[in-house]
Amino acid sequence: MNDVVAGSIKPFGSKAWANDLLSYGIKVLKGEAMISRPSGRIHVALLIKEDLQEAGFWWQARTLEFWIHKAMRGDFYGPEGADPRSGAERGGSS
């Protein structure tokens, strides 16, 4: 994640930092920020949520939790675990 936007550095623990972390967590869950199985992306998002909670950003943590639940129920994948962006199925080739 890039902490430099429009020439300004977002200080650790600021609201801008928390919003950046929330945005990154959502991208992770959607598979836009990393390549991993859905369970791995959910795990990373849970770690991000924990960081937000520990820093006192309850609104961002709660919002990320909503997205985590969407990922857990499979909203970002088609039927039978297919990834609609690549046409590939989870779990290997047939």
N, C-alpha and C. Protein backbone atom coordinates (compact mmCIF):
# COMPACT_ATOMS: atom_id res chain seq x y z
N MET A 1 0.85 -1.17 0.00
CA MET A 1 0.00 0.00 0.00
C MET A 1 0.89 1.22 0.00
N ASN A 2 0.47 2.21 -0.76
CA ASN A 2 1.27 3.42 -0.89
C ASN A 2 0.74 4.48 0.07
N ASP A 3 1.59 4.95 0.99
CA ASP A 3 1.19 5.95 1.96
C ASP A 3 1.36 7.37 1.44
N VAL A 4 1.88 7.52 0.23
CA VAL A 4 2.08 8.86 -0.32
C VAL A 4 1.03 9.10 -1.39
N VAL A 5 0.15 10.06 -1.14
CA VAL A 5 -0.88 10.42 -2.10
C VAL A 5 -0.83 11.92 -2.28
N ALA A 6 -0.74 12.37 -3.50
CA ALA A 6 -0.72 13.81 -3.83
C ALA A 6 0.36 14.54 -3.03
N GLY A 7 1.49 13.89 -2.81
CA GLY A 7 2.62 14.54 -2.16
C GLY A 7 2.56 14.61 -0.65
N SER A 8 1.52 14.06 -0.02
CA SER A 8 1.45 14.12 1.45
C SER A 8 1.57 12.72 2.03
N ILE A 9 2.28 12.62 3.12
CA ILE A 9 2.44 11.34 3.80
C ILE A 9 1.36 11.23 4.86
N LYS A 10 0.66 10.11 4.87
CA LYS A 10 -0.40 9.89 5.84
C LYS A 10 0.21 9.32 7.11
N PRO A 11 0.14 10.05 8.21
CA PRO A 11 0.75 9.58 9.45
C PRO A 11 0.07 8.34 9.99
N PHE A 12 0.87 7.46 10.54
CA PHE A 12 0.36 6.24 11.16
C PHE A 12 -0.65 6.61 12.24
N GLY A 13 -1.81 5.99 12.21
CA GLY A 13 -2.82 6.23 13.23
C GLY A 13 -3.75 7.38 12.93
N SER A 14 -3.60 8.03 11.77
CA SER A 14 -4.50 9.13 11.42
C SER A 14 -5.76 8.58 10.76
N LYS A 15 -6.78 9.43 10.63
CA LYS A 15 -8.02 9.00 9.98
C LYS A 15 -7.76 8.65 8.52
N ALA A 16 -6.88 9.41 7.86
CA ALA A 16 -6.54 9.12 6.47
C ALA A 16 -5.87 7.74 6.36
N TRP A 17 -5.01 7.43 7.32
CA TRP A 17 -4.35 6.11 7.36
C TRP A 17 -5.39 5.01 7.52
N ALA A 18 -6.35 5.23 8.43
CA ALA A 18 -7.39 4.23 8.68
C ALA A 18 -8.26 4.02 7.44
N ASN A 19 -8.58 5.11 6.75
CA ASN A 19 -9.38 4.98 5.54
C ASN A 19 -8.61 4.28 4.43
N ASP A 20 -7.30 4.53 4.35
CA ASP A 20 -6.46 3.82 3.39
C ASP A 20 -6.41 2.33 3.70
N LEU A 21 -6.28 2.02 4.97
CA LEU A 21 -6.22 0.62 5.39
C LEU A 21 -7.55 -0.08 5.09
N LEU A 22 -8.66 0.60 5.32
CA LEU A 22 -9.98 0.05 5.00
C LEU A 22 -10.08 -0.23 3.51
N SER A 23 -9.67 0.73 2.70
CA SER A 23 -9.71 0.56 1.25
C SER A 23 -8.84 -0.61 0.80
N TYR A 24 -7.66 -0.71 1.38
CA TYR A 24 -6.76 -1.83 1.06
C TYR A 24 -7.40 -3.17 1.46
N GLY A 25 -8.02 -3.22 2.64
CA GLY A 25 -8.67 -4.45 3.10
C GLY A 25 -9.78 -4.89 2.16
N ILE A 26 -10.55 -3.95 1.65
CA ILE A 26 -11.62 -4.28 0.70
C ILE A 26 -11.02 -4.81 -0.60
N LYS A 27 -9.95 -4.18 -1.07
CA LYS A 27 -9.28 -4.65 -2.29
C LYS A 27 -8.71 -6.05 -2.10
N VAL A 28 -8.18 -6.32 -0.92
CA VAL A 28 -7.67 -7.67 -0.62
C VAL A 28 -8.80 -8.68 -0.75
N LEU A 29 -9.94 -8.39 -0.14
CA LEU A 29 -11.07 -9.32 -0.17
C LEU A 29 -11.59 -9.55 -1.58
N LYS A 30 -11.55 -8.53 -2.41
CA LYS A 30 -12.02 -8.66 -3.79
C LYS A 30 -11.00 -9.33 -4.69
N GLY A 31 -9.79 -9.54 -4.19
CA GLY A 31 -8.74 -10.17 -4.98
C GLY A 31 -8.01 -9.20 -5.88
N GLU A 32 -8.12 -7.90 -5.61
CA GLU A 32 -7.48 -6.88 -6.43
C GLU A 32 -6.09 -6.51 -5.91
N ALA A 33 -5.79 -6.80 -4.66
CA ALA A 33 -4.52 -6.37 -4.07
C ALA A 33 -3.55 -7.52 -3.85
N MET A 34 -4.03 -8.75 -3.94
CA MET A 34 -3.15 -9.90 -3.73
C MET A 34 -3.76 -11.12 -4.40
N ILE A 35 -2.91 -12.07 -4.69
CA ILE A 35 -3.37 -13.33 -5.27
C ILE A 35 -3.29 -14.38 -4.18
N SER A 36 -4.44 -14.92 -3.83
CA SER A 36 -4.51 -15.91 -2.76
C SER A 36 -5.86 -16.59 -2.82
N ARG A 37 -5.98 -17.69 -2.14
CA ARG A 37 -7.29 -18.32 -2.00
C ARG A 37 -8.17 -17.41 -1.15
N PRO A 38 -9.48 -17.54 -1.28
CA PRO A 38 -10.38 -16.69 -0.48
C PRO A 38 -10.10 -16.77 1.02
N SER A 39 -9.76 -17.95 1.52
CA SER A 39 -9.49 -18.08 2.96
C SER A 39 -8.26 -17.27 3.37
N GLY A 40 -7.27 -17.18 2.50
CA GLY A 40 -6.08 -16.38 2.78
C GLY A 40 -6.38 -14.90 2.78
N ARG A 41 -7.23 -14.48 1.83
CA ARG A 41 -7.61 -13.07 1.77
C ARG A 41 -8.43 -12.68 2.99
N ILE A 42 -9.32 -13.57 3.43
CA ILE A 42 -10.12 -13.30 4.62
C ILE A 42 -9.21 -13.18 5.84
N HIS A 43 -8.22 -14.04 5.91
CA HIS A 43 -7.28 -13.99 7.04
C HIS A 43 -6.55 -12.64 7.08
N VAL A 44 -6.07 -12.19 5.94
CA VAL A 44 -5.38 -10.89 5.89
C VAL A 44 -6.33 -9.77 6.29
N ALA A 45 -7.56 -9.82 5.80
CA ALA A 45 -8.55 -8.79 6.14
C ALA A 45 -8.85 -8.79 7.65
N LEU A 46 -8.88 -9.95 8.25
CA LEU A 46 -9.11 -10.03 9.70
C LEU A 46 -7.96 -9.38 10.47
N LEU A 47 -6.73 -9.56 9.98
CA LEU A 47 -5.58 -8.91 10.61
C LEU A 47 -5.67 -7.39 10.47
N ILE A 48 -6.09 -6.92 9.30
CA ILE A 48 -6.26 -5.49 9.09
C ILE A 48 -7.35 -4.95 10.01
N LYS A 49 -8.45 -5.69 10.13
CA LYS A 49 -9.54 -5.27 11.02
C LYS A 49 -9.05 -5.15 12.46
N GLU A 50 -8.24 -6.09 12.88
CA GLU A 50 -7.68 -6.06 14.23
C GLU A 50 -6.79 -4.81 14.43
N ASP A 51 -5.98 -4.48 13.43
CA ASP A 51 -5.15 -3.28 13.51
C ASP A 51 -6.02 -2.02 13.65
N LEU A 52 -7.10 -1.96 12.89
CA LEU A 52 -7.99 -0.81 12.96
C LEU A 52 -8.65 -0.70 14.33
N GLN A 53 -9.07 -1.85 14.88
CA GLN A 53 -9.70 -1.85 16.21
C GLN A 53 -8.71 -1.39 17.28
N GLU A 54 -7.49 -1.90 17.22
CA GLU A 54 -6.48 -1.55 18.21
C GLU A 54 -6.11 -0.06 18.15
N ALA A 55 -6.22 0.53 16.96
CA ALA A 55 -5.92 1.95 16.81
C ALA A 55 -7.11 2.83 17.15
N GLY A 56 -8.26 2.20 17.44
CA GLY A 56 -9.44 2.96 17.84
C GLY A 56 -10.35 3.40 16.71
N PHE A 57 -10.16 2.85 15.54
CA PHE A 57 -10.99 3.21 14.39
C PHE A 57 -12.11 2.19 14.24
N TRP A 58 -13.11 2.31 15.11
CA TRP A 58 -14.19 1.33 15.18
C TRP A 58 -15.06 1.35 13.92
N TRP A 59 -15.28 2.54 13.33
CA TRP A 59 -16.15 2.61 12.16
C TRP A 59 -15.52 1.88 10.98
N GLN A 60 -14.22 2.10 10.75
CA GLN A 60 -13.52 1.42 9.66
C GLN A 60 -13.46 -0.08 9.91
N ALA A 61 -13.24 -0.48 11.17
CA ALA A 61 -13.19 -1.91 11.50
C ALA A 61 -14.55 -2.56 11.26
N ARG A 62 -15.61 -1.88 11.65
CA ARG A 62 -16.95 -2.42 11.46
C ARG A 62 -17.30 -2.52 9.98
N THR A 63 -16.92 -1.52 9.20
CA THR A 63 -17.17 -1.54 7.76
C THR A 63 -16.41 -2.68 7.10
N LEU A 64 -15.16 -2.88 7.49
CA LEU A 64 -14.38 -3.99 6.94
C LEU A 64 -15.00 -5.32 7.34
N GLU A 65 -15.55 -5.39 8.55
CA GLU A 65 -16.21 -6.63 8.98
C GLU A 65 -17.40 -6.97 8.08
N PHE A 66 -18.15 -5.96 7.64
CA PHE A 66 -19.25 -6.22 6.69
C PHE A 66 -18.72 -6.83 5.40
N TRP A 67 -17.60 -6.30 4.91
CA TRP A 67 -17.00 -6.83 3.69
C TRP A 67 -16.45 -8.23 3.90
N ILE A 68 -15.92 -8.50 5.08
CA ILE A 68 -15.41 -9.84 5.40
C ILE A 68 -16.56 -10.85 5.34
N HIS A 69 -17.71 -10.48 5.88
CA HIS A 69 -18.87 -11.38 5.83
C HIS A 69 -19.33 -11.62 4.40
N LYS A 70 -19.26 -10.60 3.55
CA LYS A 70 -19.61 -10.78 2.14
C LYS A 70 -18.67 -11.79 1.50
N ALA A 71 -17.38 -11.69 1.81
CA ALA A 71 -16.40 -12.62 1.25
C ALA A 71 -16.62 -14.03 1.78
N MET A 72 -16.98 -14.14 3.06
CA MET A 72 -17.18 -15.45 3.66
C MET A 72 -18.36 -16.19 3.03
N ARG A 73 -19.38 -15.44 2.61
CA ARG A 73 -20.53 -16.11 1.99
C ARG A 73 -20.33 -16.29 0.49
N GLY A 74 -19.18 -15.83 -0.05
CA GLY A 74 -18.83 -16.11 -1.44
C GLY A 74 -19.33 -15.09 -2.44
N ASP A 75 -19.61 -13.87 -2.00
CA ASP A 75 -20.15 -12.86 -2.91
C ASP A 75 -19.20 -12.48 -4.04
N PHE A 76 -17.92 -12.72 -3.89
CA PHE A 76 -16.96 -12.29 -4.90
C PHE A 76 -16.63 -13.40 -5.89
N TYR A 77 -17.35 -14.51 -5.82
CA TYR A 77 -17.12 -15.65 -6.71
C TYR A 77 -18.43 -16.15 -7.26
N GLY A 78 -18.35 -16.76 -8.44
CA GLY A 78 -19.53 -17.35 -9.05
C GLY A 78 -19.82 -18.71 -8.43
N PRO A 79 -20.73 -19.47 -9.04
CA PRO A 79 -21.09 -20.79 -8.51
C PRO A 79 -19.90 -21.75 -8.51
N GLU A 80 -19.89 -22.61 -7.53
CA GLU A 80 -18.89 -23.67 -7.39
C GLU A 80 -17.48 -23.14 -7.28
N GLY A 81 -17.32 -21.95 -6.73
CA GLY A 81 -15.99 -21.42 -6.47
C GLY A 81 -15.27 -20.86 -7.67
N ALA A 82 -15.96 -20.67 -8.78
CA ALA A 82 -15.29 -20.12 -9.96
C ALA A 82 -15.01 -18.64 -9.76
N ASP A 83 -13.85 -18.22 -10.19
CA ASP A 83 -13.50 -16.81 -10.14
C ASP A 83 -13.92 -16.20 -11.47
N PRO A 84 -14.95 -15.35 -11.48
CA PRO A 84 -15.47 -14.84 -12.75
C PRO A 84 -14.46 -14.01 -13.54
N ARG A 85 -13.44 -13.45 -12.88
CA ARG A 85 -12.45 -12.64 -13.59
C ARG A 85 -11.51 -13.49 -14.42
N SER A 86 -11.20 -14.70 -13.97
CA SER A 86 -10.22 -15.51 -14.69
C SER A 86 -10.83 -16.73 -15.37
N GLY A 87 -12.03 -17.09 -15.00
CA GLY A 87 -12.64 -18.28 -15.55
C GLY A 87 -12.12 -19.55 -14.92
N ALA A 88 -11.20 -19.43 -13.97
CA ALA A 88 -10.61 -20.60 -13.33
C ALA A 88 -11.40 -20.96 -12.08
N GLU A 89 -11.31 -22.22 -11.70
CA GLU A 89 -11.95 -22.68 -10.49
C GLU A 89 -10.94 -22.73 -9.36
N ARG A 90 -11.43 -22.53 -8.15
CA ARG A 90 -10.56 -22.66 -6.99
C ARG A 90 -10.18 -24.12 -6.79
N GLY A 91 -9.03 -24.32 -6.23
CA GLY A 91 -8.65 -25.67 -5.85
C GLY A 91 -7.85 -26.42 -6.90
N GLY A 92 -7.47 -25.79 -7.99
CA GLY A 92 -6.61 -26.48 -8.96
C GLY A 92 -7.33 -26.76 -10.25
N SER A 93 -6.63 -27.47 -11.13
CA SER A 93 -7.19 -27.77 -12.44
C SER A 93 -7.88 -29.12 -12.46
N SER A 94 -8.75 -29.31 -13.45
CA SER A 94 -9.52 -30.56 -13.57
C SER A 94 -8.85 -31.52 -14.51
